[in-house]
Amino acid sequence: MEYGRIVTFEQANELQGVFFDIDTFFNFVQDINEFYFLFLSIQDENDLIQTQYAYLLEIPLSLYVPPIN
């Protein structure tokens, strides 16, 4: 099972492709219900703490269910 943070369409649209450090950018993935998920590694979380995007770390983790292809 995978867990990620659910963001709004507006957040995903605004932040998609934006770099939050020198070599890492936001990439959102839709689940089966078309919710936008953000997946972060521990290193990504550490890198976000000191940025304007730290508020994303306050979003609780939710279960990601991949879309059926």
PDB file of N, CA and C in Angstrom:
ATOM      1  N   MET A   1       0.836  -1.178   0.000  1.00  0.00           N
ATOM      2  CA  MET A   1       0.000   0.000   0.000  1.00  0.00           C
ATOM      3  C   MET A   1       0.880   1.240   0.000  1.00  0.00           C
ATOM      4  N   GLU A   2       0.394   2.222  -0.713  1.00  0.00           N
ATOM      5  CA  GLU A   2       1.111   3.493  -0.772  1.00  0.00           C
ATOM      6  C   GLU A   2       0.271   4.580  -0.137  1.00  0.00           C
ATOM      7  N   TYR A   3       0.952   5.503   0.519  1.00  0.00           N
ATOM      8  CA  TYR A   3       0.287   6.642   1.131  1.00  0.00           C
ATOM      9  C   TYR A   3       0.909   7.922   0.612  1.00  0.00           C
ATOM     10  N   GLY A   4       0.073   8.924   0.417  1.00  0.00           N
ATOM     11  CA  GLY A   4       0.530  10.222  -0.038  1.00  0.00           C
ATOM     12  C   GLY A   4      -0.376  11.291   0.518  1.00  0.00           C
ATOM     13  N   ARG A   5      -0.126  12.506   0.127  1.00  0.00           N
ATOM     14  CA  ARG A   5      -0.910  13.640   0.587  1.00  0.00           C
ATOM     15  C   ARG A   5      -1.847  14.089  -0.524  1.00  0.00           C
ATOM     16  N   ILE A   6      -3.128  14.232  -0.189  1.00  0.00           N
ATOM     17  CA  ILE A   6      -4.115  14.679  -1.172  1.00  0.00           C
ATOM     18  C   ILE A   6      -4.099  16.197  -1.228  1.00  0.00           C
ATOM     19  N   VAL A   7      -3.962  16.736  -2.424  1.00  0.00           N
ATOM     20  CA  VAL A   7      -4.017  18.177  -2.643  1.00  0.00           C
ATOM     21  C   VAL A   7      -5.196  18.498  -3.554  1.00  0.00           C
ATOM     22  N   THR A   8      -5.574  19.746  -3.574  1.00  0.00           N
ATOM     23  CA  THR A   8      -6.675  20.164  -4.434  1.00  0.00           C
ATOM     24  C   THR A   8      -6.202  20.234  -5.890  1.00  0.00           C
ATOM     25  N   PHE A   9      -7.161  20.269  -6.791  1.00  0.00           N
ATOM     26  CA  PHE A   9      -6.838  20.443  -8.204  1.00  0.00           C
ATOM     27  C   PHE A   9      -6.059  21.740  -8.389  1.00  0.00           C
ATOM     28  N   GLU A  10      -6.487  22.792  -7.697  1.00  0.00           N
ATOM     29  CA  GLU A  10      -5.828  24.094  -7.835  1.00  0.00           C
ATOM     30  C   GLU A  10      -4.369  24.030  -7.375  1.00  0.00           C
ATOM     31  N   GLN A  11      -4.128  23.350  -6.247  1.00  0.00           N
ATOM     32  CA  GLN A  11      -2.760  23.212  -5.766  1.00  0.00           C
ATOM     33  C   GLN A  11      -1.918  22.411  -6.755  1.00  0.00           C
ATOM     34  N   ALA A  12      -2.457  21.310  -7.227  1.00  0.00           N
ATOM     35  CA  ALA A  12      -1.720  20.477  -8.176  1.00  0.00           C
ATOM     36  C   ALA A  12      -1.422  21.252  -9.456  1.00  0.00           C
ATOM     37  N   ASN A  13      -2.390  21.983  -9.938  1.00  0.00           N
ATOM     38  CA  ASN A  13      -2.230  22.751 -11.164  1.00  0.00           C
ATOM     39  C   ASN A  13      -1.187  23.859 -10.992  1.00  0.00           C
ATOM     40  N   GLU A  14      -1.204  24.499  -9.843  1.00  0.00           N
ATOM     41  CA  GLU A  14      -0.279  25.603  -9.572  1.00  0.00           C
ATOM     42  C   GLU A  14       1.160  25.124  -9.363  1.00  0.00           C
ATOM     43  N   LEU A  15       1.323  23.972  -8.713  1.00  0.00           N
ATOM     44  CA  LEU A  15       2.657  23.520  -8.321  1.00  0.00           C
ATOM     45  C   LEU A  15       3.279  22.476  -9.252  1.00  0.00           C
ATOM     46  N   GLN A  16       2.501  21.904 -10.157  1.00  0.00           N
ATOM     47  CA  GLN A  16       3.022  20.870 -11.051  1.00  0.00           C
ATOM     48  C   GLN A  16       4.272  21.369 -11.775  1.00  0.00           C
ATOM     49  N   GLY A  17       5.379  20.650 -11.613  1.00  0.00           N
ATOM     50  CA  GLY A  17       6.617  20.999 -12.303  1.00  0.00           C
ATOM     51  C   GLY A  17       7.453  22.070 -11.637  1.00  0.00           C
ATOM     52  N   VAL A  18       6.973  22.650 -10.536  1.00  0.00           N
ATOM     53  CA  VAL A  18       7.721  23.690  -9.826  1.00  0.00           C
ATOM     54  C   VAL A  18       8.838  23.032  -9.012  1.00  0.00           C
ATOM     55  N   PHE A  19      10.037  23.553  -9.148  1.00  0.00           N
ATOM     56  CA  PHE A  19      11.178  23.044  -8.382  1.00  0.00           C
ATOM     57  C   PHE A  19      11.130  23.590  -6.960  1.00  0.00           C
ATOM     58  N   PHE A  20      11.311  22.707  -5.975  1.00  0.00           N
ATOM     59  CA  PHE A  20      11.384  23.179  -4.591  1.00  0.00           C
ATOM     60  C   PHE A  20      12.802  23.081  -4.037  1.00  0.00           C
ATOM     61  N   ASP A  21      13.703  22.531  -4.795  1.00  0.00           N
ATOM     62  CA  ASP A  21      15.131  22.644  -4.533  1.00  0.00           C
ATOM     63  C   ASP A  21      15.845  22.545  -5.880  1.00  0.00           C
ATOM     64  N   ILE A  22      17.131  22.476  -5.838  1.00  0.00           N
ATOM     65  CA  ILE A  22      17.925  22.572  -7.072  1.00  0.00           C
ATOM     66  C   ILE A  22      17.599  21.506  -8.112  1.00  0.00           C
ATOM     67  N   ASP A  23      17.181  20.317  -7.660  1.00  0.00           N
ATOM     68  CA  ASP A  23      16.953  19.250  -8.628  1.00  0.00           C
ATOM     69  C   ASP A  23      15.688  18.428  -8.395  1.00  0.00           C
ATOM     70  N   THR A  24      14.760  18.949  -7.582  1.00  0.00           N
ATOM     71  CA  THR A  24      13.538  18.200  -7.290  1.00  0.00           C
ATOM     72  C   THR A  24      12.320  19.087  -7.528  1.00  0.00           C
ATOM     73  N   PHE A  25      11.353  18.538  -8.258  1.00  0.00           N
ATOM     74  CA  PHE A  25      10.150  19.306  -8.561  1.00  0.00           C
ATOM     75  C   PHE A  25       8.907  18.520  -8.150  1.00  0.00           C
ATOM     76  N   PHE A  26       7.796  19.234  -8.040  1.00  0.00           N
ATOM     77  CA  PHE A  26       6.523  18.615  -7.683  1.00  0.00           C
ATOM     78  C   PHE A  26       5.954  17.870  -8.879  1.00  0.00           C
ATOM     79  N   ASN A  27       5.442  16.685  -8.598  1.00  0.00           N
ATOM     80  CA  ASN A  27       4.762  15.892  -9.608  1.00  0.00           C
ATOM     81  C   ASN A  27       3.586  15.193  -8.924  1.00  0.00           C
ATOM     82  N   PHE A  28       2.398  15.509  -9.331  1.00  0.00           N
ATOM     83  CA  PHE A  28       1.190  14.981  -8.705  1.00  0.00           C
ATOM     84  C   PHE A  28       0.612  13.849  -9.541  1.00  0.00           C
ATOM     85  N   VAL A  29       0.002  12.899  -8.865  1.00  0.00           N
ATOM     86  CA  VAL A  29      -0.542  11.708  -9.504  1.00  0.00           C
ATOM     87  C   VAL A  29      -1.996  11.561  -9.081  1.00  0.00           C
ATOM     88  N   GLN A  30      -2.874  11.266 -10.039  1.00  0.00           N
ATOM     89  CA  GLN A  30      -4.286  11.060  -9.709  1.00  0.00           C
ATOM     90  C   GLN A  30      -4.532   9.611  -9.327  1.00  0.00           C
ATOM     91  N   ASP A  31      -5.444   9.433  -8.353  1.00  0.00           N
ATOM     92  CA  ASP A  31      -5.818   8.080  -7.944  1.00  0.00           C
ATOM     93  C   ASP A  31      -7.087   7.652  -8.673  1.00  0.00           C
ATOM     94  N   ILE A  32      -7.641   6.537  -8.276  1.00  0.00           N
ATOM     95  CA  ILE A  32      -8.826   5.988  -8.925  1.00  0.00           C
ATOM     96  C   ILE A  32     -10.030   6.927  -8.836  1.00  0.00           C
ATOM     97  N   ASN A  33     -10.044   7.767  -7.794  1.00  0.00           N
ATOM     98  CA  ASN A  33     -11.150   8.715  -7.590  1.00  0.00           C
ATOM     99  C   ASN A  33     -10.841  10.099  -8.144  1.00  0.00           C
ATOM    100  N   GLU A  34      -9.733  10.212  -8.876  1.00  0.00           N
ATOM    101  CA  GLU A  34      -9.273  11.448  -9.490  1.00  0.00           C
ATOM    102  C   GLU A  34      -8.830  12.503  -8.478  1.00  0.00           C
ATOM    103  N   PHE A  35      -8.460  12.052  -7.265  1.00  0.00           N
ATOM    104  CA  PHE A  35      -7.828  12.944  -6.302  1.00  0.00           C
ATOM    105  C   PHE A  35      -6.362  13.068  -6.672  1.00  0.00           C
ATOM    106  N   TYR A  36      -5.786  14.246  -6.447  1.00  0.00           N
ATOM    107  CA  TYR A  36      -4.377  14.471  -6.743  1.00  0.00           C
ATOM    108  C   TYR A  36      -3.540  14.169  -5.508  1.00  0.00           C
ATOM    109  N   PHE A  37      -2.527  13.323  -5.684  1.00  0.00           N
ATOM    110  CA  PHE A  37      -1.657  12.912  -4.594  1.00  0.00           C
ATOM    111  C   PHE A  37      -0.254  13.445  -4.797  1.00  0.00           C
ATOM    112  N   LEU A  38       0.360  13.791  -3.678  1.00  0.00           N
ATOM    113  CA  LEU A  38       1.762  14.173  -3.634  1.00  0.00           C
ATOM    114  C   LEU A  38       2.497  13.124  -2.820  1.00  0.00           C
ATOM    115  N   PHE A  39       3.531  12.541  -3.398  1.00  0.00           N
ATOM    116  CA  PHE A  39       4.359  11.564  -2.713  1.00  0.00           C
ATOM    117  C   PHE A  39       5.721  12.200  -2.458  1.00  0.00           C
ATOM    118  N   LEU A  40       6.171  12.105  -1.218  1.00  0.00           N
ATOM    119  CA  LEU A  40       7.452  12.693  -0.832  1.00  0.00           C
ATOM    120  C   LEU A  40       8.310  11.659  -0.114  1.00  0.00           C
ATOM    121  N   SER A  41       9.579  11.644  -0.446  1.00  0.00           N
ATOM    122  CA  SER A  41      10.517  10.815   0.301  1.00  0.00           C
ATOM    123  C   SER A  41      10.869  11.548   1.598  1.00  0.00           C
ATOM    124  N   ILE A  42      11.539  10.866   2.486  1.00  0.00           N
ATOM    125  CA  ILE A  42      11.986  11.511   3.729  1.00  0.00           C
ATOM    126  C   ILE A  42      12.916  12.674   3.397  1.00  0.00           C
ATOM    127  N   GLN A  43      13.774  12.483   2.405  1.00  0.00           N
ATOM    128  CA  GLN A  43      14.675  13.568   1.998  1.00  0.00           C
ATOM    129  C   GLN A  43      13.885  14.753   1.445  1.00  0.00           C
ATOM    130  N   ASP A  44      12.856  14.487   0.631  1.00  0.00           N
ATOM    131  CA  ASP A  44      12.017  15.560   0.108  1.00  0.00           C
ATOM    132  C   ASP A  44      11.369  16.334   1.251  1.00  0.00           C
ATOM    133  N   GLU A  45      10.848  15.603   2.243  1.00  0.00           N
ATOM    134  CA  GLU A  45      10.217  16.253   3.395  1.00  0.00           C
ATOM    135  C   GLU A  45      11.218  17.148   4.115  1.00  0.00           C
ATOM    136  N   ASN A  46      12.425  16.665   4.318  1.00  0.00           N
ATOM    137  CA  ASN A  46      13.463  17.472   4.963  1.00  0.00           C
ATOM    138  C   ASN A  46      13.802  18.711   4.144  1.00  0.00           C
ATOM    139  N   ASP A  47      13.818  18.572   2.830  1.00  0.00           N
ATOM    140  CA  ASP A  47      14.115  19.704   1.957  1.00  0.00           C
ATOM    141  C   ASP A  47      12.990  20.739   1.952  1.00  0.00           C
ATOM    142  N   LEU A  48      11.748  20.290   2.141  1.00  0.00           N
ATOM    143  CA  LEU A  48      10.596  21.205   2.116  1.00  0.00           C
ATOM    144  C   LEU A  48      10.444  22.015   3.392  1.00  0.00           C
ATOM    145  N   ILE A  49      10.965  21.515   4.498  1.00  0.00           N
ATOM    146  CA  ILE A  49      10.748  22.159   5.798  1.00  0.00           C
ATOM    147  C   ILE A  49      11.112  23.639   5.778  1.00  0.00           C
ATOM    148  N   GLN A  50      12.172  23.987   5.120  1.00  0.00           N
ATOM    149  CA  GLN A  50      12.660  25.376   5.131  1.00  0.00           C
ATOM    150  C   GLN A  50      12.204  26.183   3.911  1.00  0.00           C
ATOM    151  N   THR A  51      11.147  25.742   3.248  1.00  0.00           N
ATOM    152  CA  THR A  51      10.675  26.457   2.053  1.00  0.00           C
ATOM    153  C   THR A  51       9.269  27.011   2.264  1.00  0.00           C
ATOM    154  N   GLN A  52       8.823  27.752   1.293  1.00  0.00           N
ATOM    155  CA  GLN A  52       7.462  28.284   1.313  1.00  0.00           C
ATOM    156  C   GLN A  52       6.411  27.194   1.139  1.00  0.00           C
ATOM    157  N   TYR A  53       6.847  25.987   0.812  1.00  0.00           N
ATOM    158  CA  TYR A  53       5.926  24.876   0.588  1.00  0.00           C
ATOM    159  C   TYR A  53       5.801  23.959   1.807  1.00  0.00           C
ATOM    160  N   ALA A  54       6.353  24.350   2.933  1.00  0.00           N
ATOM    161  CA  ALA A  54       6.333  23.528   4.147  1.00  0.00           C
ATOM    162  C   ALA A  54       4.905  23.190   4.578  1.00  0.00           C
ATOM    163  N   TYR A  55       3.940  24.032   4.220  1.00  0.00           N
ATOM    164  CA  TYR A  55       2.538  23.775   4.585  1.00  0.00           C
ATOM    165  C   TYR A  55       2.036  22.447   4.027  1.00  0.00           C
ATOM    166  N   LEU A  56       2.646  21.962   2.951  1.00  0.00           N
ATOM    167  CA  LEU A  56       2.228  20.684   2.373  1.00  0.00           C
ATOM    168  C   LEU A  56       2.494  19.520   3.315  1.00  0.00           C
ATOM    169  N   LEU A  57       3.464  19.676   4.192  1.00  0.00           N
ATOM    170  CA  LEU A  57       3.792  18.624   5.145  1.00  0.00           C
ATOM    171  C   LEU A  57       2.715  18.467   6.221  1.00  0.00           C
ATOM    172  N   GLU A  58       1.855  19.456   6.361  1.00  0.00           N
ATOM    173  CA  GLU A  58       0.769  19.403   7.348  1.00  0.00           C
ATOM    174  C   GLU A  58      -0.417  18.572   6.851  1.00  0.00           C
ATOM    175  N   ILE A  59      -0.444  18.264   5.569  1.00  0.00           N
ATOM    176  CA  ILE A  59      -1.533  17.459   5.007  1.00  0.00           C
ATOM    177  C   ILE A  59      -1.345  16.020   5.469  1.00  0.00           C
ATOM    178  N   PRO A  60      -2.364  15.432   6.079  1.00  0.00           N
ATOM    179  CA  PRO A  60      -2.212  14.048   6.550  1.00  0.00           C
ATOM    180  C   PRO A  60      -2.064  13.060   5.387  1.00  0.00           C
ATOM    181  N   LEU A  61      -1.412  11.956   5.667  1.00  0.00           N
ATOM    182  CA  LEU A  61      -1.252  10.907   4.657  1.00  0.00           C
ATOM    183  C   LEU A  61      -2.561  10.166   4.454  1.00  0.00           C
ATOM    184  N   SER A  62      -2.847   9.838   3.193  1.00  0.00           N
ATOM    185  CA  SER A  62      -4.051   9.099   2.814  1.00  0.00           C
ATOM    186  C   SER A  62      -3.653   7.941   1.901  1.00  0.00           C
ATOM    187  N   LEU A  63      -4.445   6.920   1.916  1.00  0.00           N
ATOM    188  CA  LEU A  63      -4.194   5.740   1.080  1.00  0.00           C
ATOM    189  C   LEU A  63      -4.413   6.078  -0.389  1.00  0.00           C
ATOM    190  N   TYR A  64      -3.423   5.749  -1.211  1.00  0.00           N
ATOM    191  CA  TYR A  64      -3.502   5.941  -2.653  1.00  0.00           C
ATOM    192  C   TYR A  64      -3.974   4.649  -3.300  1.00  0.00           C
ATOM    193  N   VAL A  65      -5.035   4.764  -4.112  1.00  0.00           N
ATOM    194  CA  VAL A  65      -5.536   3.618  -4.875  1.00  0.00           C
ATOM    195  C   VAL A  65      -5.331   3.950  -6.353  1.00  0.00           C
ATOM    196  N   PRO A  66      -4.426   3.247  -7.029  1.00  0.00           N
ATOM    197  CA  PRO A  66      -4.125   3.583  -8.419  1.00  0.00           C
ATOM    198  C   PRO A  66      -5.339   3.379  -9.325  1.00  0.00           C
ATOM    199  N   PRO A  67      -5.420   4.158 -10.395  1.00  0.00           N
ATOM    200  CA  PRO A  67      -6.513   3.977 -11.355  1.00  0.00           C
ATOM    201  C   PRO A  67      -6.401   2.634 -12.057  1.00  0.00           C
ATOM    202  N   ILE A  68      -7.517   2.124 -12.489  1.00  0.00           N
ATOM    203  CA  ILE A  68      -7.539   0.878 -13.243  1.00  0.00           C
ATOM    204  C   ILE A  68      -7.287   1.196 -14.706  1.00  0.00           C
ATOM    205  N   ASN A  69      -6.329   0.536 -15.295  1.00  0.00           N
ATOM    206  CA  ASN A  69      -5.983   0.807 -16.707  1.00  0.00           C
ATOM    207  C   ASN A  69      -6.742  -0.115 -17.624  1.00  0.00           C
TER     208      ASN A  69
END
